Amino acid sequence: MRLPDLNDLIQDLQLAKQIAIDNQNANALTIATMSQAKLLGIDKPLKDVTPNSNIKSGLGHFYGRIPDLTPEAALAISKRLDEEY
């Protein structure tokens, strides 16, 4: 026996919704609808994603700007990699 995937679960809940409609059971219809929303991840409130120009983005701003790689540092890294590998 295999585990049900998302499509199977949505299909089962759609059937439950149809049975609830046929039996005029508003509570069961609501529960099946909310269960579908939870499975699909659309039951959460929307977040404001308006960009704020005062907030700097990226990890470089969080940790401080990473300095440019100098030719000397690049050569030292290359030599060390050659020695190790």
N, C-alpha and C. Protein backbone atom coordinates (compact mmCIF):
# COMPACT_ATOMS: atom_id res chain seq x y z
N MET A 1 0.84 -1.18 0.00
CA MET A 1 0.00 0.00 0.00
C MET A 1 0.89 1.24 0.00
N ARG A 2 0.58 2.16 -0.86
CA ARG A 2 1.38 3.38 -0.94
C ARG A 2 0.72 4.50 -0.14
N LEU A 3 1.52 5.44 0.27
CA LEU A 3 0.98 6.61 0.97
C LEU A 3 0.31 7.53 -0.04
N PRO A 4 -0.77 8.19 0.36
CA PRO A 4 -1.43 9.11 -0.57
C PRO A 4 -0.55 10.33 -0.81
N ASP A 5 -0.57 10.82 -2.04
CA ASP A 5 0.16 12.05 -2.34
C ASP A 5 -0.81 13.23 -2.28
N LEU A 6 -0.30 14.39 -2.57
CA LEU A 6 -1.11 15.61 -2.46
C LEU A 6 -2.34 15.54 -3.37
N ASN A 7 -2.17 15.05 -4.58
CA ASN A 7 -3.31 14.96 -5.50
C ASN A 7 -4.40 14.04 -4.97
N ASP A 8 -3.99 12.92 -4.37
CA ASP A 8 -4.97 12.00 -3.78
C ASP A 8 -5.75 12.67 -2.66
N LEU A 9 -5.05 13.38 -1.81
CA LEU A 9 -5.71 14.04 -0.68
C LEU A 9 -6.66 15.13 -1.15
N ILE A 10 -6.24 15.91 -2.13
CA ILE A 10 -7.12 16.95 -2.66
C ILE A 10 -8.35 16.33 -3.31
N GLN A 11 -8.16 15.24 -4.03
CA GLN A 11 -9.29 14.56 -4.68
C GLN A 11 -10.26 14.02 -3.63
N ASP A 12 -9.74 13.44 -2.55
CA ASP A 12 -10.61 12.94 -1.49
C ASP A 12 -11.39 14.07 -0.82
N LEU A 13 -10.73 15.18 -0.60
CA LEU A 13 -11.41 16.32 0.00
C LEU A 13 -12.44 16.92 -0.95
N GLN A 14 -12.17 16.89 -2.24
CA GLN A 14 -13.15 17.37 -3.21
C GLN A 14 -14.40 16.48 -3.17
N LEU A 15 -14.20 15.17 -3.04
CA LEU A 15 -15.32 14.25 -2.91
C LEU A 15 -16.09 14.53 -1.62
N ALA A 16 -15.37 14.78 -0.53
CA ALA A 16 -16.03 15.12 0.74
C ALA A 16 -16.84 16.40 0.61
N LYS A 17 -16.32 17.37 -0.14
CA LYS A 17 -17.08 18.61 -0.36
C LYS A 17 -18.36 18.34 -1.13
N GLN A 18 -18.28 17.49 -2.15
CA GLN A 18 -19.47 17.18 -2.95
C GLN A 18 -20.51 16.45 -2.10
N ILE A 19 -20.07 15.52 -1.25
CA ILE A 19 -21.00 14.83 -0.36
C ILE A 19 -21.63 15.82 0.61
N ALA A 20 -20.84 16.75 1.13
CA ALA A 20 -21.37 17.76 2.05
C ALA A 20 -22.41 18.64 1.35
N ILE A 21 -22.17 18.99 0.09
CA ILE A 21 -23.13 19.79 -0.67
C ILE A 21 -24.41 18.99 -0.88
N ASP A 22 -24.26 17.72 -1.28
CA ASP A 22 -25.44 16.88 -1.51
C ASP A 22 -26.28 16.71 -0.26
N ASN A 23 -25.62 16.62 0.90
CA ASN A 23 -26.33 16.44 2.17
C ASN A 23 -26.67 17.76 2.85
N GLN A 24 -26.36 18.86 2.20
CA GLN A 24 -26.60 20.20 2.73
C GLN A 24 -25.97 20.37 4.12
N ASN A 25 -24.73 19.92 4.23
CA ASN A 25 -24.00 19.99 5.50
C ASN A 25 -22.93 21.08 5.37
N ALA A 26 -23.29 22.28 5.78
CA ALA A 26 -22.39 23.43 5.63
C ALA A 26 -21.12 23.27 6.45
N ASN A 27 -21.23 22.68 7.64
CA ASN A 27 -20.05 22.50 8.49
C ASN A 27 -19.03 21.58 7.82
N ALA A 28 -19.48 20.46 7.29
CA ALA A 28 -18.57 19.53 6.61
C ALA A 28 -17.95 20.17 5.38
N LEU A 29 -18.73 20.97 4.66
CA LEU A 29 -18.22 21.67 3.48
C LEU A 29 -17.11 22.64 3.88
N THR A 30 -17.34 23.36 4.96
CA THR A 30 -16.34 24.32 5.44
C THR A 30 -15.06 23.61 5.87
N ILE A 31 -15.20 22.51 6.58
CA ILE A 31 -14.03 21.77 7.05
C ILE A 31 -13.23 21.22 5.86
N ALA A 32 -13.91 20.66 4.87
CA ALA A 32 -13.21 20.12 3.69
C ALA A 32 -12.51 21.23 2.91
N THR A 33 -13.16 22.39 2.79
CA THR A 33 -12.57 23.52 2.08
C THR A 33 -11.33 24.03 2.82
N MET A 34 -11.43 24.17 4.14
CA MET A 34 -10.29 24.63 4.92
C MET A 34 -9.15 23.61 4.89
N SER A 35 -9.48 22.34 4.87
CA SER A 35 -8.45 21.30 4.79
C SER A 35 -7.70 21.38 3.47
N GLN A 36 -8.42 21.64 2.38
CA GLN A 36 -7.76 21.83 1.09
C GLN A 36 -6.83 23.04 1.13
N ALA A 37 -7.31 24.12 1.72
CA ALA A 37 -6.49 25.33 1.81
C ALA A 37 -5.22 25.07 2.62
N LYS A 38 -5.34 24.32 3.70
CA LYS A 38 -4.16 24.00 4.51
C LYS A 38 -3.16 23.15 3.73
N LEU A 39 -3.67 22.16 3.01
CA LEU A 39 -2.77 21.31 2.21
C LEU A 39 -2.03 22.11 1.15
N LEU A 40 -2.71 23.09 0.58
CA LEU A 40 -2.11 23.90 -0.48
C LEU A 40 -1.32 25.09 0.06
N GLY A 41 -1.37 25.31 1.39
CA GLY A 41 -0.62 26.39 2.00
C GLY A 41 -1.20 27.76 1.79
N ILE A 42 -2.50 27.85 1.49
CA ILE A 42 -3.11 29.16 1.24
C ILE A 42 -4.02 29.57 2.39
N ASP A 43 -3.82 28.98 3.56
CA ASP A 43 -4.62 29.32 4.73
C ASP A 43 -3.94 30.36 5.62
N LYS A 44 -2.77 30.81 5.21
CA LYS A 44 -2.02 31.76 6.03
C LYS A 44 -2.27 33.19 5.55
N PRO A 45 -2.17 34.14 6.46
CA PRO A 45 -2.39 35.53 6.04
C PRO A 45 -1.29 36.01 5.11
N LEU A 46 -1.62 36.94 4.25
CA LEU A 46 -0.64 37.52 3.34
C LEU A 46 0.30 38.43 4.11
N LYS A 47 1.55 38.44 3.72
CA LYS A 47 2.53 39.31 4.36
C LYS A 47 2.81 40.49 3.44
N ASP A 48 3.06 41.63 4.05
CA ASP A 48 3.40 42.82 3.28
C ASP A 48 4.82 42.65 2.77
N VAL A 49 4.98 42.69 1.47
CA VAL A 49 6.30 42.53 0.87
C VAL A 49 6.74 43.81 0.16
N THR A 50 6.20 44.93 0.59
CA THR A 50 6.57 46.21 0.01
C THR A 50 8.04 46.49 0.34
N PRO A 51 8.85 46.78 -0.66
CA PRO A 51 10.26 47.04 -0.37
C PRO A 51 10.43 48.31 0.45
N ASN A 52 11.37 48.26 1.36
CA ASN A 52 11.68 49.41 2.20
C ASN A 52 13.11 49.83 1.87
N SER A 53 13.26 51.01 1.33
CA SER A 53 14.58 51.47 0.89
C SER A 53 15.53 51.71 2.06
N ASN A 54 14.99 51.80 3.29
CA ASN A 54 15.84 52.03 4.45
C ASN A 54 16.50 50.74 4.94
N ILE A 55 16.00 49.60 4.49
CA ILE A 55 16.54 48.32 4.92
C ILE A 55 17.50 47.81 3.86
N LYS A 56 18.71 47.51 4.26
CA LYS A 56 19.69 46.98 3.33
C LYS A 56 19.47 45.48 3.20
N SER A 57 19.60 44.96 2.00
CA SER A 57 19.37 43.54 1.77
C SER A 57 20.68 42.82 1.54
N GLY A 58 20.62 41.53 1.71
CA GLY A 58 21.78 40.69 1.44
C GLY A 58 22.61 40.45 2.69
N LEU A 59 23.27 39.32 2.73
CA LEU A 59 24.08 38.97 3.89
C LEU A 59 25.32 39.83 4.00
N GLY A 60 25.78 40.38 2.88
CA GLY A 60 26.95 41.25 2.94
C GLY A 60 26.71 42.47 3.81
N HIS A 61 25.49 43.00 3.75
CA HIS A 61 25.15 44.15 4.58
C HIS A 61 25.01 43.73 6.04
N PHE A 62 24.55 42.50 6.28
CA PHE A 62 24.36 42.04 7.65
C PHE A 62 25.69 41.81 8.34
N TYR A 63 26.60 41.15 7.65
CA TYR A 63 27.89 40.83 8.24
C TYR A 63 28.95 41.89 7.98
N GLY A 64 28.65 42.87 7.22
CA GLY A 64 29.63 43.84 6.81
C GLY A 64 30.10 43.48 5.41
N ARG A 65 30.46 44.47 4.65
CA ARG A 65 30.82 44.21 3.25
C ARG A 65 32.08 43.36 3.17
N ILE A 66 32.01 42.37 2.32
CA ILE A 66 33.17 41.50 2.10
C ILE A 66 34.14 42.25 1.20
N PRO A 67 35.41 42.37 1.62
CA PRO A 67 36.36 43.12 0.80
C PRO A 67 36.64 42.40 -0.51
N ASP A 68 37.06 43.19 -1.50
CA ASP A 68 37.41 42.63 -2.80
C ASP A 68 38.61 41.71 -2.65
N LEU A 69 38.65 40.68 -3.49
CA LEU A 69 39.74 39.72 -3.47
C LEU A 69 40.94 40.33 -4.20
N THR A 70 42.03 40.48 -3.48
CA THR A 70 43.24 41.06 -4.08
C THR A 70 43.96 39.98 -4.89
N PRO A 71 44.78 40.38 -5.85
CA PRO A 71 45.55 39.39 -6.62
C PRO A 71 46.45 38.53 -5.73
N GLU A 72 47.01 39.13 -4.69
CA GLU A 72 47.88 38.38 -3.78
C GLU A 72 47.09 37.30 -3.04
N ALA A 73 45.89 37.65 -2.58
CA ALA A 73 45.05 36.69 -1.87
C ALA A 73 44.60 35.57 -2.80
N ALA A 74 44.26 35.92 -4.04
CA ALA A 74 43.85 34.91 -5.02
C ALA A 74 44.99 33.94 -5.30
N LEU A 75 46.21 34.46 -5.42
CA LEU A 75 47.38 33.61 -5.67
C LEU A 75 47.64 32.69 -4.48
N ALA A 76 47.49 33.20 -3.27
CA ALA A 76 47.70 32.39 -2.07
C ALA A 76 46.66 31.28 -1.99
N ILE A 77 45.43 31.58 -2.32
CA ILE A 77 44.36 30.57 -2.31
C ILE A 77 44.65 29.51 -3.36
N SER A 78 45.07 29.95 -4.54
CA SER A 78 45.38 29.01 -5.62
C SER A 78 46.52 28.07 -5.23
N LYS A 79 47.58 28.61 -4.63
CA LYS A 79 48.71 27.79 -4.20
C LYS A 79 48.28 26.78 -3.14
N ARG A 80 47.47 27.22 -2.21
CA ARG A 80 47.01 26.32 -1.15
C ARG A 80 46.14 25.20 -1.71
N LEU A 81 45.30 25.52 -2.66
CA LEU A 81 44.47 24.49 -3.29
C LEU A 81 45.32 23.49 -4.05
N ASP A 82 46.36 24.00 -4.74
CA ASP A 82 47.27 23.10 -5.47
C ASP A 82 47.99 22.15 -4.52
N GLU A 83 48.37 22.66 -3.34
CA GLU A 83 49.07 21.83 -2.36
C GLU A 83 48.14 20.76 -1.78
N GLU A 84 46.90 21.14 -1.53
CA GLU A 84 45.97 20.21 -0.87
C GLU A 84 45.37 19.20 -1.83
N TYR A 85 45.23 19.57 -3.10
CA TYR A 85 44.56 18.68 -4.05
C TYR A 85 45.52 18.35 -5.15
